[in-house]
Protein backbone atom coordinates (compact mmCIF):
# COMPACT_ATOMS: atom_id res chain seq x y z
CA UNK A 1 247.55 -108.38 7.08
CA UNK A 2 248.45 -110.21 10.31
CA UNK A 3 251.51 -111.34 12.27
CA UNK A 4 252.44 -113.93 9.64
CA UNK A 5 251.34 -112.42 6.33
CA UNK A 6 252.32 -109.35 4.31
CA UNK A 7 250.39 -107.92 1.36
CA UNK A 8 252.41 -106.82 -1.68
CA UNK A 9 250.47 -104.71 -4.18
CA UNK A 10 251.26 -102.85 -7.40
CA UNK A 11 254.67 -101.61 -8.45
CA UNK A 12 256.50 -101.23 -11.76
CA UNK A 13 257.66 -103.77 -14.29
CA UNK A 14 261.06 -103.59 -15.93
CA UNK A 15 259.54 -101.56 -18.79
CA UNK A 16 258.33 -99.07 -16.11
CA UNK A 17 254.64 -99.83 -16.68
CA UNK A 18 252.59 -100.12 -13.48
CA UNK A 19 250.72 -103.25 -12.39
CA UNK A 20 247.62 -104.04 -10.35
CA UNK A 21 248.90 -107.46 -9.27
CA UNK A 22 248.60 -108.30 -5.57
CA UNK A 23 249.82 -111.22 -3.49
CA UNK A 24 250.26 -112.28 0.12
CA UNK A 25 253.65 -113.39 1.40
CA UNK A 26 253.72 -115.78 4.36
CA UNK A 27 256.79 -115.10 6.51
CA UNK A 28 256.65 -118.58 8.10
CA UNK A 29 256.40 -120.71 4.97
CA UNK A 30 258.25 -118.23 2.71
CA UNK A 31 255.55 -118.70 0.06
CA UNK A 32 253.18 -116.35 -1.74
CA UNK A 33 249.64 -116.64 -3.04
CA UNK A 34 247.89 -114.46 -5.58
CA UNK A 35 244.87 -112.44 -4.46
CA UNK A 36 242.41 -110.16 -6.25
CA UNK A 37 244.18 -107.40 -8.18
CA UNK A 38 244.09 -103.82 -6.92
CA UNK A 39 241.29 -101.73 -8.52
CA UNK A 40 243.81 -100.08 -10.88
CA UNK A 41 247.48 -100.33 -11.86
CA UNK A 42 249.45 -98.46 -9.21
CA UNK A 43 252.94 -97.40 -8.19
CA UNK A 44 254.27 -94.78 -5.75
CA UNK A 45 251.32 -95.33 -3.42
CA UNK A 46 251.48 -95.31 0.38
CA UNK A 47 250.18 -97.72 3.02
CA UNK A 48 248.77 -96.95 6.46
CA UNK A 49 250.03 -99.54 8.92
CA UNK A 50 248.04 -99.16 12.15
CA UNK A 51 244.68 -98.17 13.59
CA UNK A 52 241.30 -98.28 11.87
CA UNK A 53 242.99 -97.85 8.49
CA UNK A 54 245.66 -100.52 8.94
CA UNK A 55 246.53 -101.92 5.52
CA UNK A 56 244.88 -99.14 3.49
CA UNK A 57 246.79 -98.38 0.27
CA UNK A 58 246.26 -94.75 -0.74
CA UNK A 59 247.26 -92.54 -3.66
CA UNK A 60 249.63 -93.60 -6.41
CA UNK A 61 249.89 -93.28 -10.16
CA UNK A 62 249.15 -95.63 -13.05
CA UNK A 63 252.32 -95.08 -15.07
CA UNK A 64 255.27 -92.74 -15.43
CA UNK A 65 255.56 -88.99 -14.93
CA UNK A 66 252.24 -87.09 -15.14
CA UNK A 67 250.23 -90.30 -15.54
CA UNK A 68 246.72 -90.63 -14.03
CA UNK A 69 246.62 -90.99 -10.24
CA UNK A 70 244.05 -91.62 -7.55
CA UNK A 71 242.60 -89.96 -4.45
CA UNK A 72 241.23 -93.22 -3.05
CA UNK A 73 242.44 -95.58 -0.36
CA UNK A 74 241.50 -99.28 -0.51
CA UNK A 75 242.04 -102.20 1.86
CA UNK A 76 242.06 -105.89 1.02
CA UNK A 77 239.21 -107.91 2.52
CA UNK A 78 240.32 -111.55 2.93
CA UNK A 79 236.74 -112.70 3.54
CA UNK A 80 235.50 -111.54 0.13
CA UNK A 81 238.79 -111.42 -1.80
CA UNK A 82 237.99 -107.83 -2.75
CA UNK A 83 239.48 -104.37 -2.16
CA UNK A 84 237.13 -102.19 -0.08
CA UNK A 85 237.07 -98.40 -0.48
CA UNK A 86 238.02 -96.91 2.91
CA UNK A 87 238.66 -93.23 2.25
CA UNK A 88 238.91 -90.55 -0.45
CA UNK A 89 240.96 -87.35 -0.05
CA UNK A 90 239.48 -85.58 -3.11
CA UNK A 91 242.91 -84.93 -4.64
CA UNK A 92 244.43 -87.28 -7.19
CA UNK A 93 248.05 -87.63 -6.05
CA UNK A 94 251.03 -89.95 -6.05
CA UNK A 95 252.94 -90.96 -2.92
CA UNK A 96 251.31 -88.97 -0.14
CA UNK A 97 252.62 -89.61 3.37
CA UNK A 98 250.24 -91.15 5.90
CA UNK A 99 250.21 -92.34 9.49
CA UNK A 100 247.82 -94.40 11.58
CA UNK A 101 247.06 -92.56 14.81
CA UNK A 102 247.05 -94.11 18.30
CA UNK A 103 243.30 -93.55 18.67
CA UNK A 104 242.56 -95.41 15.42
CA UNK A 105 242.29 -92.44 13.03
CA UNK A 106 244.76 -91.43 10.33
CA UNK A 107 246.56 -88.42 8.87
CA UNK A 108 247.26 -88.18 5.12
CA UNK A 109 249.35 -85.29 3.80
CA UNK A 110 251.23 -84.08 0.74
CA UNK A 111 251.93 -85.97 -2.45
CA UNK A 112 252.50 -84.88 -6.06
CA UNK A 113 250.06 -83.79 -8.76
CA UNK A 114 252.68 -83.95 -11.53
CA UNK A 115 256.37 -84.65 -12.02
CA UNK A 116 257.15 -82.67 -15.18
CA UNK A 117 257.12 -79.91 -14.10
CA UNK A 118 257.16 -81.04 -10.48
CA UNK A 119 254.02 -79.93 -8.62
CA UNK A 120 253.56 -81.01 -5.00
CA UNK A 121 250.65 -80.70 -2.59
CA UNK A 122 250.47 -79.03 0.86
CA UNK A 123 247.06 -80.37 1.99
CA UNK A 124 246.55 -82.24 5.29
CA UNK A 125 243.56 -84.59 5.78
CA UNK A 126 242.27 -86.10 9.01
CA UNK A 127 240.41 -89.42 8.74
CA UNK A 128 238.26 -90.25 11.77
CA UNK A 129 236.45 -93.28 10.36
CA UNK A 130 235.65 -95.14 7.15
CA UNK A 131 234.90 -92.52 4.47
CA UNK A 132 234.92 -89.80 7.16
CA UNK A 133 237.75 -87.63 5.84
CA UNK A 134 238.20 -83.86 6.06
CA UNK A 135 240.93 -81.44 5.03
CA UNK A 136 242.10 -79.62 8.18
CA UNK A 137 244.79 -77.29 6.86
CA UNK A 138 247.78 -76.52 4.67
CA UNK A 139 251.44 -77.11 5.34
CA UNK A 140 253.88 -74.24 4.75
CA UNK A 141 254.85 -75.72 1.40
CA UNK A 142 254.16 -78.71 -0.75
CA UNK A 143 255.69 -81.99 0.37
CA UNK A 144 256.32 -85.40 -1.14
CA UNK A 145 258.59 -88.17 0.19
CA UNK A 146 258.52 -86.47 3.59
CA UNK A 147 258.33 -87.66 7.19
CA UNK A 148 255.47 -87.75 9.70
CA UNK A 149 255.29 -88.92 13.32
CA UNK A 150 252.85 -88.69 16.24
CA UNK A 151 254.39 -87.12 19.36
CA UNK A 152 251.47 -87.23 21.81
CA UNK A 153 247.70 -87.61 21.85
CA UNK A 154 247.32 -84.04 20.56
CA UNK A 155 250.14 -83.53 18.07
CA UNK A 156 251.73 -84.89 14.90
CA UNK A 157 254.82 -83.42 13.24
CA UNK A 158 255.59 -83.57 9.53
CA UNK A 159 258.53 -82.15 7.63
CA UNK A 160 261.14 -82.24 4.91
CA UNK A 161 260.39 -83.67 1.50
CA UNK A 162 260.17 -82.31 -2.04
CA UNK A 163 258.44 -79.02 -2.77
CA UNK A 164 257.73 -77.64 -6.27
CA UNK A 165 260.77 -77.57 -8.52
CA UNK A 166 261.65 -79.98 -6.98
CA UNK A 167 263.32 -78.30 -4.00
CA UNK A 168 264.16 -80.22 -0.83
CA UNK A 169 262.74 -78.44 2.23
CA UNK A 170 263.87 -78.32 5.85
CA UNK A 171 260.60 -76.84 7.12
CA UNK A 172 258.27 -78.74 9.48
CA UNK A 173 254.63 -78.34 10.51
CA UNK A 174 252.61 -79.17 13.61
CA UNK A 175 249.31 -80.97 13.07
CA UNK A 176 246.98 -80.32 16.03
CA UNK A 177 244.62 -83.29 16.37
CA UNK A 178 242.36 -81.62 18.93
CA UNK A 179 241.76 -78.28 17.20
CA UNK A 180 242.33 -79.80 13.72
CA UNK A 181 244.78 -77.12 12.62
CA UNK A 182 248.17 -77.02 10.89
CA UNK A 183 250.84 -74.49 11.97
CA UNK A 184 254.59 -73.98 11.31
CA UNK A 185 256.94 -76.05 13.46
CA UNK A 186 260.71 -76.13 14.07
CA UNK A 187 262.91 -76.61 11.01
CA UNK A 188 265.16 -79.58 10.44
CA UNK A 189 268.88 -78.86 10.68
CA UNK A 190 269.26 -80.15 7.12
CA UNK A 191 266.54 -80.50 4.50
CA UNK A 192 265.97 -84.06 3.29
CA UNK A 193 263.61 -86.02 1.09
CA UNK A 194 263.02 -89.80 1.13
CA UNK A 195 263.47 -89.45 4.90
CA UNK A 196 261.41 -91.22 7.55
CA UNK A 197 260.27 -89.90 10.91
CA UNK A 198 260.13 -92.67 13.50
CA UNK A 199 258.07 -92.24 16.68
CA UNK A 200 259.65 -93.96 19.69
CA UNK A 201 256.98 -94.12 22.44
CA UNK A 202 258.09 -93.16 25.96
CA UNK A 203 254.82 -93.40 27.92
CA UNK A 204 251.81 -95.70 27.62
CA UNK A 205 248.33 -96.18 29.01
CA UNK A 206 247.56 -99.20 31.19
CA UNK A 207 246.36 -100.91 28.00
CA UNK A 208 249.66 -100.35 26.24
CA UNK A 209 248.54 -97.49 23.97
CA UNK A 210 251.25 -94.81 23.54
CA UNK A 211 250.60 -91.35 25.00
CA UNK A 212 253.92 -89.61 24.26
CA UNK A 213 256.83 -90.32 21.93
CA UNK A 214 260.11 -88.94 20.64
CA UNK A 215 260.55 -88.44 16.90
CA UNK A 216 263.71 -89.59 15.11
CA UNK A 217 264.59 -88.69 11.54
CA UNK A 218 266.39 -91.37 9.54
CA UNK A 219 268.21 -91.34 6.23
CA UNK A 220 267.18 -89.22 3.31
CA UNK A 221 268.49 -87.37 0.27
CA UNK A 222 269.97 -83.87 0.53
CA UNK A 223 269.66 -81.17 -2.14
């Protein structure tokens, strides 16, 4: 939410039911305060953490395997104590991967339709502004719990994750931000899911905005 406060939303109880509860944790005072609940019970969602969509919580499911899920992304508004609808990707999915872009936009990709049997998604969406979202292509295979990182002003790379089955993939895809296309990229040396891609910027504009970066893959589960 800001330099001192973190929003915590949704999750599962010990009985595995999902909750809509939301609260703000203050890192200075080490205290929390309750805020308006999320529009629906939610777990396995994803949050965008920079740009125009900073703080948007997108996707997620309401319960266990094959439970209802959402295509919407909402952000908490501290002025009204409400959750504002920011985008809709037109596919009801749990745990897509998303990234806030350096120019303020966002990429949302992958996720899962179902878990039993496991059915993942290969769609890629480009969000340019509030409720201005368009599908721009398909990855080589479905992905969930995969990595994504911006490498320069033109390109994002995404890869790994769970495909249908589930099968852990080593494939990667380029997302071209200028031409709004998705094409095959270099493969990982080892396929992993639950793995993060971290962009480490190497060059910046005079205003401190990154222009190029190196991507690092961290952790993950092998097949």
